[in-house]
Amino acid sequence: MAVGRCGALPVLQRPLHERPTAGVDSLPAMESGSQPPPPPPEGVAPPSQPAPLDADDTRGLHFKRLSGRPLTLSIGGVFLIGAFVGGTIGGGPLIGAIAAVAIFLLILLIVWVLASNAAKEDFFSAYANARGLNRASGKSSLPPSTPLLRKGDRRYAEQVMNGTLPGGAPGALALYTYEVETTDSDGNRDTDYYRFTVVMHDIPSVAAKVADVNCQRRSGFRFMDSAEDVFRRMKRLELESEVLDKNFEIFYGPNDDEVWMKQLFSPTFIVWMSEHTPEKFAWELSAGSLCCYVRGHYDNAQELDTICKAAGDVASRLVTEAGE
């Protein structure tokens, strides 16, 4: 997905914010003199291979390696023979053959899942190393600094990468998920999963100018805006841009300055938001913490670079306007 950037937007000349790296519960920033990321763990694609560009690139290599291992062949053979013998004894040769085929397909599925996980590890390790980012591959938490990061009954992040992101600003990139549990009238419980790719920047200088901004993708009909706004805590920002209004809904805090908000959304920024942002891109700001996001977990280098650069442009625009 090729997405352009607005050349007129200012580029950050200094870090937006720095705080010591202290685990995943805070938003770390790469310090000058940080040690380079550790080498890839055992089992990832060797350096001689081209760097994977998405999470599927090395799946075939891992599938071939795993399926040819003596352990896989021996355990798989035992289960195949056991399924055939047990099925034959219980229901005849046809049932035995069907049971053996089912076990064979199950073995292939298990190997495919393991190969997919290894390929995903290859990709994110290579992506972080190529860009000088520190990475935590397991599940971790993110600071609940914006509304999206506080949603759900449970929430967690995977593939958290910290440092100077593509676009030039220090921040964090992560695959974020929150879960919502529901219970029906019969007492059956169900869990819905909401997945996002998020980019976070700390820009405390902006907090003195505006407390809360929510620039979300439009949902619902525009003629319902007035009725819905009655129940909102935040105020809707009305701008004279038909294209922007079709794609986004913009809200700001009840005590924030409408004039400053309209200055923030300059004609150049409106054009960039309307025409050059990644698909499904949105952002929110709360007390100097910026979270830019898209729905879904991105696992492609170009897409990850694009959202990082777009988030950097939003941060740059906020910092520039706050400084004027």
Protein backbone atom coordinates (compact mmCIF):
# COMPACT_ATOMS: atom_id res chain seq x y z
CA MET A 1 0.00 0.00 0.00
CA ALA A 2 1.75 3.07 -1.24
CA VAL A 3 0.71 6.19 0.59
CA GLY A 4 2.08 9.64 -0.07
CA ARG A 5 3.16 12.20 2.50
CA CYS A 6 2.51 15.90 2.48
CA GLY A 7 5.80 17.59 1.77
CA ALA A 8 4.69 20.86 3.28
CA LEU A 9 4.40 19.48 6.78
CA PRO A 10 7.32 20.47 9.02
CA VAL A 11 9.91 17.93 10.07
CA LEU A 12 10.79 17.59 13.74
CA GLN A 13 14.17 19.11 14.46
CA ARG A 14 14.42 17.76 18.00
CA PRO A 15 13.01 14.80 19.95
CA LEU A 16 9.40 15.29 20.96
CA HIS A 17 9.97 13.78 24.36
CA GLU A 18 12.44 11.49 26.05
CA ARG A 19 12.03 9.38 29.14
CA PRO A 20 14.16 6.47 30.35
CA THR A 21 13.36 3.03 29.05
CA ALA A 22 11.65 1.30 31.96
CA GLY A 23 9.81 -1.66 30.51
CA VAL A 24 6.60 -1.76 28.55
CA ASP A 25 4.46 0.08 31.11
CA SER A 26 6.03 3.38 30.06
CA LEU A 27 6.70 4.80 26.63
CA PRO A 28 10.47 4.52 26.11
CA ALA A 29 12.53 6.59 23.73
CA MET A 30 15.85 5.72 22.13
CA GLU A 31 18.68 7.57 23.84
CA SER A 32 21.84 8.62 22.01
CA GLY A 33 24.39 5.98 23.02
CA SER A 34 21.88 3.13 23.45
CA GLN A 35 23.31 -0.28 22.74
CA PRO A 36 22.20 -1.83 19.43
CA PRO A 37 19.39 -4.40 19.57
CA PRO A 38 20.47 -7.95 20.43
CA PRO A 39 21.09 -10.42 17.60
CA PRO A 40 18.11 -12.45 16.32
CA PRO A 41 17.26 -15.47 18.48
CA GLU A 42 18.09 -18.98 17.36
CA GLY A 43 15.76 -20.26 14.67
CA VAL A 44 15.15 -17.01 12.77
CA ALA A 45 16.21 -16.52 9.17
CA PRO A 46 20.03 -16.42 8.83
CA PRO A 47 21.67 -13.10 7.89
CA SER A 48 22.60 -14.47 4.46
CA GLN A 49 18.90 -14.57 3.53
CA PRO A 50 17.24 -11.40 2.22
CA ALA A 51 15.42 -9.55 4.99
CA PRO A 52 11.74 -10.59 5.00
CA LEU A 53 9.35 -7.84 3.94
CA ASP A 54 6.30 -9.36 5.59
CA ALA A 55 5.38 -12.09 8.04
CA ASP A 56 4.84 -14.72 5.32
CA ASP A 57 8.18 -14.49 3.52
CA THR A 58 10.01 -17.26 5.38
CA ARG A 59 7.03 -19.50 6.18
CA GLY A 60 7.89 -21.95 3.39
CA LEU A 61 11.48 -22.32 4.62
CA HIS A 62 10.34 -23.04 8.16
CA PHE A 63 7.62 -25.44 7.00
CA LYS A 64 10.15 -27.44 5.02
CA ARG A 65 12.61 -27.45 7.91
CA LEU A 66 10.04 -28.46 10.52
CA SER A 67 8.31 -31.11 8.43
CA GLY A 68 11.63 -32.78 7.65
CA ARG A 69 12.84 -33.03 11.25
CA PRO A 70 13.35 -36.57 12.53
CA LEU A 71 11.26 -35.77 15.60
CA THR A 72 8.32 -34.62 13.44
CA LEU A 73 8.58 -37.65 11.19
CA SER A 74 8.85 -40.13 14.05
CA ILE A 75 6.02 -38.69 16.15
CA GLY A 76 3.87 -38.18 13.09
CA GLY A 77 4.50 -41.74 11.95
CA VAL A 78 3.52 -43.14 15.33
CA PHE A 79 0.23 -41.22 15.34
CA LEU A 80 -0.53 -42.16 11.73
CA ILE A 81 0.02 -45.85 12.39
CA GLY A 82 -1.93 -45.68 15.62
CA ALA A 83 -4.84 -43.93 13.92
CA PHE A 84 -4.93 -46.44 11.08
CA VAL A 85 -4.67 -49.48 13.35
CA GLY A 86 -7.21 -48.13 15.85
CA GLY A 87 -9.66 -47.13 13.11
CA THR A 88 -9.29 -50.46 11.36
CA ILE A 89 -9.93 -52.40 14.56
CA GLY A 90 -12.90 -50.26 15.47
CA GLY A 91 -14.59 -49.86 12.07
CA GLY A 92 -12.65 -51.53 9.30
CA PRO A 93 -9.96 -50.53 6.82
CA LEU A 94 -11.95 -47.60 5.38
CA ILE A 95 -12.38 -46.02 8.81
CA GLY A 96 -8.72 -46.65 9.53
CA ALA A 97 -7.70 -44.89 6.31
CA ILE A 98 -9.97 -41.92 7.08
CA ALA A 99 -8.53 -41.66 10.61
CA ALA A 100 -4.98 -41.77 9.22
CA VAL A 101 -5.75 -39.01 6.69
CA ALA A 102 -7.32 -36.87 9.44
CA ILE A 103 -4.20 -37.26 11.61
CA PHE A 104 -1.97 -36.45 8.65
CA LEU A 105 -3.90 -33.23 7.98
CA LEU A 106 -3.76 -32.34 11.68
CA ILE A 107 0.03 -32.81 11.67
CA LEU A 108 0.33 -30.56 8.61
CA LEU A 109 -1.80 -27.93 10.32
CA ILE A 110 0.36 -27.98 13.46
CA VAL A 111 3.55 -27.67 11.41
CA TRP A 112 2.00 -24.83 9.37
CA VAL A 113 1.11 -22.92 12.54
CA LEU A 114 4.61 -23.39 13.96
CA ALA A 115 6.14 -22.28 10.65
CA SER A 116 3.89 -19.21 10.54
CA ASN A 117 4.91 -18.21 14.07
CA ALA A 118 8.60 -18.63 13.22
CA ALA A 119 8.16 -16.57 10.02
CA LYS A 120 6.43 -13.83 12.01
CA GLU A 121 9.35 -13.78 14.43
CA ASP A 122 11.75 -13.56 11.47
CA PHE A 123 9.95 -10.55 10.05
CA PHE A 124 9.57 -8.47 13.20
CA SER A 125 13.13 -9.22 14.31
CA ALA A 126 14.48 -8.14 10.92
CA TYR A 127 12.23 -5.07 10.85
CA ALA A 128 13.35 -3.88 14.28
CA ASN A 129 17.04 -4.57 13.63
CA ALA A 130 17.02 -2.79 10.26
CA ARG A 131 15.59 0.35 11.87
CA GLY A 132 17.58 0.28 15.09
CA LEU A 133 14.56 -0.38 17.31
CA ASN A 134 14.43 -2.23 20.61
CA ARG A 135 11.80 -4.99 20.49
CA ALA A 136 9.80 -7.05 22.99
CA SER A 137 8.29 -10.02 21.15
CA GLY A 138 5.94 -11.43 23.80
CA LYS A 139 2.74 -10.01 25.24
CA SER A 140 3.15 -6.85 27.29
CA SER A 141 1.15 -3.84 28.41
CA LEU A 142 0.99 -0.29 27.10
CA PRO A 143 0.47 2.82 29.22
CA PRO A 144 -3.29 3.60 29.29
CA SER A 145 -2.63 7.14 28.18
CA THR A 146 -5.40 7.59 25.57
CA PRO A 147 -9.00 6.34 25.28
CA LEU A 148 -8.17 3.53 22.85
CA LEU A 149 -5.50 2.19 25.19
CA ARG A 150 -8.02 2.07 28.05
CA LYS A 151 -10.77 0.18 26.22
CA GLY A 152 -11.94 -3.37 26.87
CA ASP A 153 -12.04 -5.82 29.73
CA ARG A 154 -8.49 -6.96 28.95
CA ARG A 155 -5.81 -5.39 26.81
CA TYR A 156 -2.27 -6.26 25.75
CA ALA A 157 0.35 -5.51 23.12
CA GLU A 158 2.65 -7.68 21.03
CA GLN A 159 5.78 -6.88 19.04
CA VAL A 160 6.41 -3.62 20.94
CA MET A 161 9.23 -1.68 19.28
CA ASN A 162 10.78 1.43 20.82
CA GLY A 163 13.22 3.96 19.47
CA THR A 164 13.44 6.53 16.69
CA LEU A 165 10.68 5.38 14.37
CA PRO A 166 10.55 5.80 10.60
CA GLY A 167 9.63 9.44 10.23
CA GLY A 168 12.31 10.63 12.67
CA ALA A 169 10.48 10.92 16.01
CA PRO A 170 11.15 8.81 19.11
CA GLY A 171 8.18 6.67 20.11
CA ALA A 172 6.75 3.17 20.16
CA LEU A 173 5.14 0.90 17.58
CA ALA A 174 3.03 -2.08 18.66
CA LEU A 175 0.32 -4.56 17.73
CA TYR A 176 -2.44 -3.81 20.25
CA THR A 177 -5.49 -5.89 21.17
CA TYR A 178 -8.31 -5.30 23.58
CA GLU A 179 -10.97 -7.85 24.53
CA VAL A 180 -14.62 -7.34 25.40
CA GLU A 181 -16.54 -10.09 27.19
CA THR A 182 -20.30 -10.44 26.74
CA THR A 183 -22.84 -12.78 28.32
CA ASP A 184 -26.11 -13.77 26.62
CA SER A 185 -29.45 -14.46 28.28
CA ASP A 186 -28.53 -18.12 28.78
CA GLY A 187 -25.35 -17.24 30.64
CA ASN A 188 -23.02 -18.17 27.76
CA ARG A 189 -19.93 -15.99 27.68
CA ASP A 190 -18.27 -14.77 24.51
CA THR A 191 -15.14 -12.71 23.87
CA ASP A 192 -14.71 -10.24 21.02
CA TYR A 193 -11.19 -9.22 19.99
CA TYR A 194 -10.39 -5.77 18.62
CA ARG A 195 -6.98 -5.50 16.98
CA PHE A 196 -5.04 -2.36 16.07
CA THR A 197 -1.58 -1.32 14.97
CA VAL A 198 -0.63 1.69 17.08
CA VAL A 199 2.14 4.29 17.08
CA MET A 200 2.67 6.37 20.22
CA HIS A 201 4.57 9.61 20.75
CA ASP A 202 4.94 11.71 23.90
CA ILE A 203 4.58 15.42 23.07
CA PRO A 204 4.13 17.16 26.44
CA SER A 205 4.55 20.66 25.00
CA VAL A 206 1.15 20.29 23.33
CA ALA A 207 -0.68 19.63 26.62
CA ALA A 208 -0.51 23.34 27.51
CA LYS A 209 -2.50 24.18 24.37
CA VAL A 210 -5.06 21.38 24.13
CA ALA A 211 -6.05 18.59 26.52
CA ASP A 212 -7.95 16.15 24.32
CA VAL A 213 -8.34 15.61 20.59
CA ASN A 214 -10.01 12.65 18.91
CA CYS A 215 -9.69 12.46 15.13
CA GLN A 216 -11.60 9.27 14.35
CA ARG A 217 -12.86 7.67 11.18
CA ARG A 218 -16.44 8.60 10.43
CA SER A 219 -19.11 6.07 11.29
CA GLY A 220 -22.84 6.46 10.84
CA PHE A 221 -24.77 9.14 8.96
CA ARG A 222 -23.79 12.79 9.06
CA PHE A 223 -27.40 13.95 9.54
CA MET A 224 -27.28 12.19 12.94
CA ASP A 225 -24.30 14.26 14.17
CA SER A 226 -26.34 16.85 16.08
CA ALA A 227 -28.45 14.23 17.86
CA GLU A 228 -25.37 12.17 18.83
CA ASP A 229 -23.44 15.22 20.04
CA VAL A 230 -26.00 15.86 22.77
CA PHE A 231 -24.68 12.81 24.61
CA ARG A 232 -20.97 13.50 24.07
CA ARG A 233 -18.59 14.98 26.63
CA MET A 234 -16.30 16.31 23.90
CA LYS A 235 -17.18 19.00 21.37
CA ARG A 236 -17.31 18.46 17.61
CA LEU A 237 -15.00 20.55 15.43
CA GLU A 238 -16.76 21.86 12.34
CA LEU A 239 -14.48 22.62 9.40
CA GLU A 240 -15.23 23.80 5.86
CA SER A 241 -13.94 20.70 4.13
CA GLU A 242 -16.41 18.30 2.58
CA VAL A 243 -13.76 15.65 1.89
CA LEU A 244 -12.40 15.71 5.45
CA ASP A 245 -15.91 15.59 6.89
CA LYS A 246 -16.78 12.52 4.83
CA ASN A 247 -13.81 10.61 6.21
CA PHE A 248 -13.24 11.90 9.75
CA GLU A 249 -15.04 13.12 12.84
CA ILE A 250 -12.96 15.47 14.98
CA PHE A 251 -13.67 16.17 18.64
CA TYR A 252 -11.85 18.23 21.26
CA GLY A 253 -12.09 18.67 25.02
CA PRO A 254 -14.90 20.71 26.57
CA ASN A 255 -12.43 23.24 27.99
CA ASP A 256 -10.18 23.42 24.92
CA ASP A 257 -9.95 26.42 22.59
CA GLU A 258 -11.91 26.07 19.34
CA VAL A 259 -9.86 28.81 17.68
CA TRP A 260 -6.61 26.94 18.39
CA MET A 261 -8.14 23.73 17.03
CA LYS A 262 -9.10 25.45 13.77
CA GLN A 263 -5.58 26.84 13.48
CA LEU A 264 -4.24 23.31 14.00
CA PHE A 265 -6.26 22.07 11.03
CA SER A 266 -4.69 24.41 8.52
CA PRO A 267 -5.55 24.01 4.81
CA THR A 268 -2.32 22.07 4.25
CA PHE A 269 -3.01 19.72 7.16
CA ILE A 270 -6.61 19.22 6.00
CA VAL A 271 -5.43 18.23 2.51
CA TRP A 272 -2.88 15.84 3.99
CA MET A 273 -5.46 14.28 6.32
CA SER A 274 -7.98 13.95 3.49
CA GLU A 275 -5.76 12.62 0.74
CA HIS A 276 -2.46 11.26 2.03
CA THR A 277 -3.07 9.35 5.24
CA PRO A 278 -2.99 5.53 5.29
CA GLU A 279 -6.26 3.70 4.88
CA LYS A 280 -8.28 3.61 8.13
CA PHE A 281 -5.73 5.88 9.83
CA ALA A 282 -6.95 7.81 12.90
CA TRP A 283 -5.41 9.44 15.95
CA GLU A 284 -6.15 10.71 19.43
CA LEU A 285 -4.33 12.99 21.85
CA SER A 286 -4.72 13.07 25.62
CA ALA A 287 -2.60 15.14 28.02
CA GLY A 288 0.35 15.23 25.62
CA SER A 289 0.21 11.54 24.68
CA LEU A 290 -0.43 10.89 21.00
CA CYS A 291 -1.73 7.54 19.76
CA CYS A 292 -2.12 7.00 16.00
CA TYR A 293 -3.73 3.77 14.88
CA VAL A 294 -5.22 1.64 12.14
CA ARG A 295 -7.49 -1.35 12.53
CA GLY A 296 -5.82 -4.73 12.24
CA HIS A 297 -2.35 -6.01 13.00
CA TYR A 298 0.05 -4.92 10.28
CA ASP A 299 2.77 -7.42 9.36
CA ASN A 300 4.22 -5.76 6.29
CA ALA A 301 7.29 -3.50 6.31
CA GLN A 302 5.88 -0.89 3.92
CA GLU A 303 2.62 -0.62 5.86
CA LEU A 304 4.42 -0.29 9.19
CA ASP A 305 6.74 2.38 7.79
CA THR A 306 3.76 4.26 6.37
CA ILE A 307 1.82 4.46 9.63
CA CYS A 308 5.00 5.46 11.52
CA LYS A 309 5.66 8.30 9.07
CA ALA A 310 2.04 9.43 9.21
CA ALA A 311 2.15 9.46 13.03
CA GLY A 312 5.37 11.48 12.89
CA ASP A 313 3.68 14.04 10.64
CA VAL A 314 0.74 14.38 13.05
CA ALA A 315 3.14 14.82 15.97
CA SER A 316 5.15 17.38 14.02
CA ARG A 317 2.05 19.37 13.17
CA LEU A 318 0.87 19.39 16.79
CA VAL A 319 4.28 20.45 18.13
CA THR A 320 4.64 23.20 15.52
CA GLU A 321 1.22 24.69 16.23
CA ALA A 322 1.79 24.47 20.00
CA GLY A 323 5.00 26.44 19.60
CA GLU A 324 3.41 29.35 17.75
